[in-house]
Amino acid sequence: MIENKEVMAKNIQRLMDYNHVKAVDVCNAIDCKANTFSDWIHAKSYPRIDKIEKMARYFNVSKAELVEDISKQPILTDIEIKMIEHMRQDKSFQDRIMAYAKFLLSEGNSK
């Protein structure tokens, strides 16, 4: 079993790579010292909840995406990843998806 610090380190690194950001960018955004952040990404220590929350907001992910071992979760296809990226950035797209989901639910309830 992977230790919590190692899971966190892998997840932070994955999110940094995915978002093309450097440690200094994250440190500035979440008001964290470089030494402390280095300890997190090298699995030497674990961030406090307030820093986990700030990182989650910075990366626009749930706290679970930082603290949970995602290697146990299903891998998304390229099209699913593109849809998620698009949804995170486009409020009108989010609204259209929600309207469609409500339509599907209402169709199911009317049968």
C-alpha atoms as a PDB file:
ATOM      1  CA  MET A   1       0.000   0.000   0.000  1.00  0.00           C
ATOM      2  CA  ILE A   2       1.250   3.439  -0.921  1.00  0.00           C
ATOM      3  CA  GLU A   3       1.729   5.838   1.976  1.00  0.00           C
ATOM      4  CA  ASN A   4      -0.395   9.020   2.056  1.00  0.00           C
ATOM      5  CA  LYS A   5       2.620  11.295   1.565  1.00  0.00           C
ATOM      6  CA  GLU A   6       3.616   9.358  -1.552  1.00  0.00           C
ATOM      7  CA  VAL A   7       0.078   9.531  -2.960  1.00  0.00           C
ATOM      8  CA  MET A   8      -0.017  13.281  -2.368  1.00  0.00           C
ATOM      9  CA  ALA A   9       3.412  13.751  -3.956  1.00  0.00           C
ATOM     10  CA  LYS A  10       2.415  11.827  -7.080  1.00  0.00           C
ATOM     11  CA  ASN A  11      -0.869  13.671  -7.398  1.00  0.00           C
ATOM     12  CA  ILE A  12       0.702  17.117  -7.015  1.00  0.00           C
ATOM     13  CA  GLN A  13       3.343  16.252  -9.608  1.00  0.00           C
ATOM     14  CA  ARG A  14       0.696  14.868 -11.983  1.00  0.00           C
ATOM     15  CA  LEU A  15      -1.371  18.042 -11.678  1.00  0.00           C
ATOM     16  CA  MET A  16       1.667  20.266 -12.166  1.00  0.00           C
ATOM     17  CA  ASP A  17       2.628  18.341 -15.300  1.00  0.00           C
ATOM     18  CA  TYR A  18      -0.926  18.358 -16.611  1.00  0.00           C
ATOM     19  CA  ASN A  19      -1.292  22.116 -16.068  1.00  0.00           C
ATOM     20  CA  HIS A  20       2.254  22.932 -17.231  1.00  0.00           C
ATOM     21  CA  VAL A  21       3.104  24.805 -14.047  1.00  0.00           C
ATOM     22  CA  LYS A  22       6.239  24.914 -11.943  1.00  0.00           C
ATOM     23  CA  ALA A  23       6.600  24.563  -8.212  1.00  0.00           C
ATOM     24  CA  VAL A  24       7.192  28.294  -7.858  1.00  0.00           C
ATOM     25  CA  ASP A  25       3.829  28.980  -9.536  1.00  0.00           C
ATOM     26  CA  VAL A  26       1.994  26.754  -7.087  1.00  0.00           C
ATOM     27  CA  CYS A  27       3.903  28.177  -4.121  1.00  0.00           C
ATOM     28  CA  ASN A  28       2.980  31.722  -5.101  1.00  0.00           C
ATOM     29  CA  ALA A  29      -0.664  30.807  -5.657  1.00  0.00           C
ATOM     30  CA  ILE A  30      -1.143  29.010  -2.353  1.00  0.00           C
ATOM     31  CA  ASP A  31       1.238  31.149  -0.258  1.00  0.00           C
ATOM     32  CA  CYS A  32       3.678  28.379   0.544  1.00  0.00           C
ATOM     33  CA  LYS A  33       7.441  28.350   1.063  1.00  0.00           C
ATOM     34  CA  ALA A  34       9.462  26.524  -1.588  1.00  0.00           C
ATOM     35  CA  ASN A  35      11.128  24.276   1.015  1.00  0.00           C
ATOM     36  CA  THR A  36       7.776  23.143   2.363  1.00  0.00           C
ATOM     37  CA  PHE A  37       6.388  22.489  -1.105  1.00  0.00           C
ATOM     38  CA  SER A  38       9.527  20.547  -2.002  1.00  0.00           C
ATOM     39  CA  ASP A  39       8.959  18.329   1.027  1.00  0.00           C
ATOM     40  CA  TRP A  40       5.420  17.605  -0.218  1.00  0.00           C
ATOM     41  CA  ILE A  41       6.435  16.653  -3.750  1.00  0.00           C
ATOM     42  CA  HIS A  42       9.262  14.485  -2.426  1.00  0.00           C
ATOM     43  CA  ALA A  43       6.923  12.741   0.051  1.00  0.00           C
ATOM     44  CA  LYS A  44       8.827  13.969   3.088  1.00  0.00           C
ATOM     45  CA  SER A  45       5.811  15.656   4.672  1.00  0.00           C
ATOM     46  CA  TYR A  46       2.092  16.128   4.146  1.00  0.00           C
ATOM     47  CA  PRO A  47       0.310  19.478   3.721  1.00  0.00           C
ATOM     48  CA  ARG A  48      -2.234  20.810   6.184  1.00  0.00           C
ATOM     49  CA  ILE A  49      -5.861  20.811   5.067  1.00  0.00           C
ATOM     50  CA  ASP A  50      -5.866  24.554   4.331  1.00  0.00           C
ATOM     51  CA  LYS A  51      -3.032  24.085   1.822  1.00  0.00           C
ATOM     52  CA  ILE A  52      -4.764  21.039   0.312  1.00  0.00           C
ATOM     53  CA  GLU A  53      -7.877  23.181  -0.167  1.00  0.00           C
ATOM     54  CA  LYS A  54      -5.836  25.981  -1.758  1.00  0.00           C
ATOM     55  CA  MET A  55      -4.120  23.529  -4.108  1.00  0.00           C
ATOM     56  CA  ALA A  56      -7.454  21.992  -5.070  1.00  0.00           C
ATOM     57  CA  ARG A  57      -8.798  25.453  -5.932  1.00  0.00           C
ATOM     58  CA  TYR A  58      -5.608  26.354  -7.792  1.00  0.00           C
ATOM     59  CA  PHE A  59      -5.719  23.192  -9.928  1.00  0.00           C
ATOM     60  CA  ASN A  60      -9.536  23.320 -10.169  1.00  0.00           C
ATOM     61  CA  VAL A  61      -9.912  19.781  -8.832  1.00  0.00           C
ATOM     62  CA  SER A  62     -11.543  18.149  -5.843  1.00  0.00           C
ATOM     63  CA  LYS A  63      -9.506  17.584  -2.697  1.00  0.00           C
ATOM     64  CA  ALA A  64      -9.929  13.873  -3.408  1.00  0.00           C
ATOM     65  CA  GLU A  65      -7.839  14.253  -6.562  1.00  0.00           C
ATOM     66  CA  LEU A  66      -4.978  15.355  -4.340  1.00  0.00           C
ATOM     67  CA  VAL A  67      -5.292  12.940  -1.443  1.00  0.00           C
ATOM     68  CA  GLU A  68      -6.582   9.725  -3.015  1.00  0.00           C
ATOM     69  CA  ASP A  69      -4.629   7.122  -4.935  1.00  0.00           C
ATOM     70  CA  ILE A  70      -5.993   7.630  -8.426  1.00  0.00           C
ATOM     71  CA  SER A  71      -4.095   4.629  -9.786  1.00  0.00           C
ATOM     72  CA  LYS A  72      -7.042   2.577  -8.497  1.00  0.00           C
ATOM     73  CA  GLN A  73      -9.526   4.659 -10.475  1.00  0.00           C
ATOM     74  CA  PRO A  74     -10.489   3.993 -14.086  1.00  0.00           C
ATOM     75  CA  ILE A  75      -8.391   5.766 -16.680  1.00  0.00           C
ATOM     76  CA  LEU A  76     -10.256   8.320 -18.778  1.00  0.00           C
ATOM     77  CA  THR A  77     -10.189   8.238 -22.548  1.00  0.00           C
ATOM     78  CA  ASP A  78      -8.761  11.182 -24.498  1.00  0.00           C
ATOM     79  CA  ILE A  79     -12.249  12.355 -25.453  1.00  0.00           C
ATOM     80  CA  GLU A  80     -13.395  12.246 -21.811  1.00  0.00           C
ATOM     81  CA  ILE A  81     -10.371  14.290 -20.757  1.00  0.00           C
ATOM     82  CA  LYS A  82     -11.051  16.869 -23.495  1.00  0.00           C
ATOM     83  CA  MET A  83     -14.698  17.108 -22.452  1.00  0.00           C
ATOM     84  CA  ILE A  84     -13.740  17.643 -18.817  1.00  0.00           C
ATOM     85  CA  GLU A  85     -11.177  20.308 -19.750  1.00  0.00           C
ATOM     86  CA  HIS A  86     -13.762  22.054 -21.880  1.00  0.00           C
ATOM     87  CA  MET A  87     -16.413  21.863 -19.164  1.00  0.00           C
ATOM     88  CA  ARG A  88     -14.084  23.302 -16.530  1.00  0.00           C
ATOM     89  CA  GLN A  89     -13.387  26.342 -18.696  1.00  0.00           C
ATOM     90  CA  ASP A  90     -16.726  26.995 -20.396  1.00  0.00           C
ATOM     91  CA  LYS A  91     -19.705  27.960 -18.211  1.00  0.00           C
ATOM     92  CA  SER A  92     -22.143  27.914 -21.143  1.00  0.00           C
ATOM     93  CA  PHE A  93     -21.019  24.361 -21.966  1.00  0.00           C
ATOM     94  CA  GLN A  94     -21.661  23.366 -18.351  1.00  0.00           C
ATOM     95  CA  ASP A  95     -25.150  24.876 -18.605  1.00  0.00           C
ATOM     96  CA  ARG A  96     -25.887  22.979 -21.834  1.00  0.00           C
ATOM     97  CA  ILE A  97     -24.730  19.688 -20.295  1.00  0.00           C
ATOM     98  CA  MET A  98     -26.927  20.278 -17.238  1.00  0.00           C
ATOM     99  CA  ALA A  99     -29.930  21.143 -19.410  1.00  0.00           C
ATOM    100  CA  TYR A 100     -29.428  17.962 -21.415  1.00  0.00           C
ATOM    101  CA  ALA A 101     -29.091  15.873 -18.247  1.00  0.00           C
ATOM    102  CA  LYS A 102     -32.325  17.385 -16.875  1.00  0.00           C
ATOM    103  CA  PHE A 103     -34.031  16.656 -20.193  1.00  0.00           C
ATOM    104  CA  LEU A 104     -32.914  13.015 -20.006  1.00  0.00           C
ATOM    105  CA  LEU A 105     -34.147  12.752 -16.441  1.00  0.00           C
ATOM    106  CA  SER A 106     -37.516  14.228 -17.344  1.00  0.00           C
ATOM    107  CA  GLU A 107     -37.831  11.835 -20.292  1.00  0.00           C
ATOM    108  CA  GLY A 108     -37.146   8.908 -17.965  1.00  0.00           C
ATOM    109  CA  ASN A 109     -39.711  10.151 -15.443  1.00  0.00           C
ATOM    110  CA  SER A 110     -42.424  10.621 -18.056  1.00  0.00           C
ATOM    111  CA  LYS A 111     -42.330   6.971 -19.186  1.00  0.00           C
END
